[in-house]
Amino acid sequence: MQTAASPSSSVPTTATDRRLAGAAHVTSLLGPWVILPFILYMFQRERSRFVAHHAMRAIVLQLAFVIACLTGMALGTSTLTTLMFLPEFFVQLMLYQMYAFVGFLVLIYVALILIAMVRAFSGQTDTGSLFARASDAVLERDARVSQA
């Protein structure tokens, strides 16, 4: 069994840990969204901090994407309802802008997933990004609650 040291921690990761951590991110592109990362987090949080970190990061990233899309759609819908009385051209222009915004969010989301997936498969943890800090905060809180 091959191990690689994680740059942000001194705990070595096994090939199985790297595969499970990568699977948490891969499922974001395939379908079940939060379900598999949540299951991985629940079963691996005691065994592997590396897998728990990546599973929680996948959950945080997916939830942030859903919130961003819902916010964009709500802003777009409210803008369109105020523009109901304008000519059709302006309404179509706003619709195209809303589609472009959601498409831009999807591109950013896929890029972030691919970066996280590569880091997970290579045995690295990310400590600098907003999503990594949020997932680390949840992990710290969970560790304190389980110790009490």
Protein backbone atom coordinates (compact mmCIF):
# COMPACT_ATOMS: atom_id res chain seq x y z
CA MET A 1 0.00 0.00 0.00
CA GLN A 2 1.51 3.28 -1.13
CA THR A 3 1.28 6.35 1.10
CA ALA A 4 1.81 10.02 0.40
CA ALA A 5 2.15 12.76 2.98
CA SER A 6 -0.44 15.47 2.82
CA PRO A 7 1.12 18.94 2.66
CA SER A 8 -1.15 20.47 5.29
CA SER A 9 -0.90 17.60 7.75
CA SER A 10 1.70 15.10 8.83
CA VAL A 11 -0.72 12.17 8.57
CA PRO A 12 0.04 9.97 5.56
CA THR A 13 -2.80 9.14 3.20
CA THR A 14 -3.33 5.74 1.67
CA ALA A 15 -4.35 5.06 -1.91
CA THR A 16 -7.82 4.14 -0.64
CA ASP A 17 -8.11 7.47 1.17
CA ARG A 18 -7.17 9.33 -2.01
CA ARG A 19 -9.70 7.36 -4.06
CA LEU A 20 -12.50 7.98 -1.56
CA ALA A 21 -11.66 11.69 -1.34
CA GLY A 22 -11.63 11.93 -5.14
CA ALA A 23 -14.94 10.05 -5.33
CA ALA A 24 -16.53 12.69 -3.12
CA HIS A 25 -15.75 15.29 -5.80
CA VAL A 26 -16.47 13.07 -8.82
CA THR A 27 -20.06 12.51 -7.68
CA SER A 28 -20.63 16.26 -7.95
CA LEU A 29 -20.36 15.87 -11.71
CA LEU A 30 -22.28 12.60 -11.96
CA GLY A 31 -25.47 13.03 -10.07
CA PRO A 32 -26.31 12.28 -6.44
CA TRP A 33 -24.86 15.61 -5.35
CA VAL A 34 -24.60 15.85 -1.60
CA ILE A 35 -25.64 12.26 -0.84
CA LEU A 36 -22.36 10.38 -1.43
CA PRO A 37 -20.06 13.05 0.06
CA PHE A 38 -22.31 13.13 3.13
CA ILE A 39 -22.21 9.33 3.45
CA LEU A 40 -18.43 9.36 3.01
CA TYR A 41 -18.12 12.07 5.64
CA MET A 42 -20.28 10.23 8.15
CA PHE A 43 -18.41 6.93 7.80
CA GLN A 44 -14.88 8.28 7.34
CA ARG A 45 -14.74 11.22 9.77
CA GLU A 46 -13.41 8.98 12.56
CA ARG A 47 -11.04 7.00 10.31
CA SER A 48 -9.48 9.53 7.95
CA ARG A 49 -9.32 13.29 8.38
CA PHE A 50 -8.17 13.54 4.74
CA VAL A 51 -11.33 11.87 3.38
CA ALA A 52 -13.51 13.83 5.82
CA HIS A 53 -11.89 17.10 4.69
CA HIS A 54 -12.53 16.42 1.00
CA ALA A 55 -16.05 15.08 1.59
CA MET A 56 -16.98 18.16 3.59
CA ARG A 57 -15.36 20.39 0.98
CA ALA A 58 -17.48 18.72 -1.71
CA ILE A 59 -20.62 19.33 0.36
CA VAL A 60 -19.74 22.99 0.99
CA LEU A 61 -18.93 23.56 -2.69
CA GLN A 62 -22.17 21.96 -3.86
CA LEU A 63 -24.28 23.92 -1.39
CA ALA A 64 -22.55 27.18 -2.38
CA PHE A 65 -23.29 26.43 -6.04
CA VAL A 66 -26.98 25.77 -5.32
CA ILE A 67 -27.26 29.00 -3.30
CA ALA A 68 -25.53 31.00 -6.04
CA CYS A 69 -27.83 29.59 -8.73
CA LEU A 70 -30.97 30.19 -6.68
CA THR A 71 -29.86 33.74 -5.91
CA GLY A 72 -29.11 34.40 -9.58
CA MET A 73 -32.46 33.01 -10.65
CA ALA A 74 -34.30 35.04 -8.00
CA LEU A 75 -32.55 38.25 -9.04
CA GLY A 76 -33.20 37.48 -12.69
CA THR A 77 -36.87 36.73 -12.07
CA SER A 78 -37.41 39.87 -10.02
CA THR A 79 -35.68 41.94 -12.69
CA LEU A 80 -37.80 40.38 -15.42
CA THR A 81 -41.04 41.07 -13.57
CA THR A 82 -40.12 44.74 -13.27
CA LEU A 83 -39.34 44.84 -16.99
CA MET A 84 -42.68 43.32 -18.04
CA PHE A 85 -43.86 46.58 -19.50
CA LEU A 86 -40.77 47.17 -21.62
CA PRO A 87 -40.49 46.07 -25.24
CA GLU A 88 -39.88 42.38 -25.89
CA PHE A 89 -36.31 43.02 -27.00
CA PHE A 90 -35.25 44.15 -23.51
CA VAL A 91 -36.93 41.17 -21.87
CA GLN A 92 -35.11 38.77 -24.21
CA LEU A 93 -31.85 40.57 -23.52
CA MET A 94 -32.33 40.09 -19.77
CA LEU A 95 -33.12 36.41 -20.30
CA TYR A 96 -29.91 35.93 -22.28
CA GLN A 97 -27.95 37.67 -19.54
CA MET A 98 -29.50 35.39 -16.93
CA TYR A 99 -28.61 32.30 -19.00
CA ALA A 100 -25.07 33.60 -19.43
CA PHE A 101 -24.75 34.18 -15.68
CA VAL A 102 -25.90 30.64 -14.82
CA GLY A 103 -23.61 29.23 -17.54
CA PHE A 104 -20.70 31.18 -16.06
CA LEU A 105 -21.49 29.78 -12.61
CA VAL A 106 -21.54 26.25 -14.03
CA LEU A 107 -18.12 26.75 -15.64
CA ILE A 108 -16.63 28.03 -12.38
CA TYR A 109 -18.25 25.17 -10.46
CA VAL A 110 -16.86 22.51 -12.81
CA ALA A 111 -13.39 24.09 -12.68
CA LEU A 112 -13.43 24.12 -8.86
CA ILE A 113 -14.56 20.49 -8.78
CA LEU A 114 -11.81 19.42 -11.19
CA ILE A 115 -9.15 21.25 -9.14
CA ALA A 116 -10.40 19.67 -5.91
CA MET A 117 -10.57 16.25 -7.58
CA VAL A 118 -6.96 16.47 -8.79
CA ARG A 119 -5.83 17.56 -5.32
CA ALA A 120 -7.71 14.68 -3.70
CA PHE A 121 -6.32 12.04 -6.05
CA SER A 122 -2.79 13.40 -5.59
CA GLY A 123 -3.07 13.35 -1.79
CA GLN A 124 -3.14 17.12 -1.22
CA THR A 125 -5.45 19.16 0.95
CA ASP A 126 -6.27 22.76 0.23
CA THR A 127 -6.09 25.15 3.16
CA GLY A 128 -6.26 28.55 1.50
CA SER A 129 -9.58 28.63 -0.32
CA LEU A 130 -12.84 29.83 1.16
CA PHE A 131 -14.41 26.38 0.69
CA ALA A 132 -11.51 24.64 2.44
CA ARG A 133 -11.69 27.05 5.38
CA ALA A 134 -15.45 26.51 5.67
CA SER A 135 -15.08 22.73 5.56
CA ASP A 136 -12.25 22.86 8.12
CA ALA A 137 -14.44 24.94 10.43
CA VAL A 138 -17.18 22.31 10.23
CA LEU A 139 -14.65 19.54 10.87
CA GLU A 140 -13.27 21.37 13.93
CA ARG A 141 -16.77 21.90 15.32
CA ASP A 142 -17.66 18.26 14.68
CA ALA A 143 -14.48 17.09 16.43
CA ARG A 144 -15.29 19.22 19.50
CA VAL A 145 -18.86 17.90 19.64
CA SER A 146 -17.77 14.26 19.31
CA GLN A 147 -15.20 14.69 22.11
CA ALA A 148 -17.75 16.13 24.52
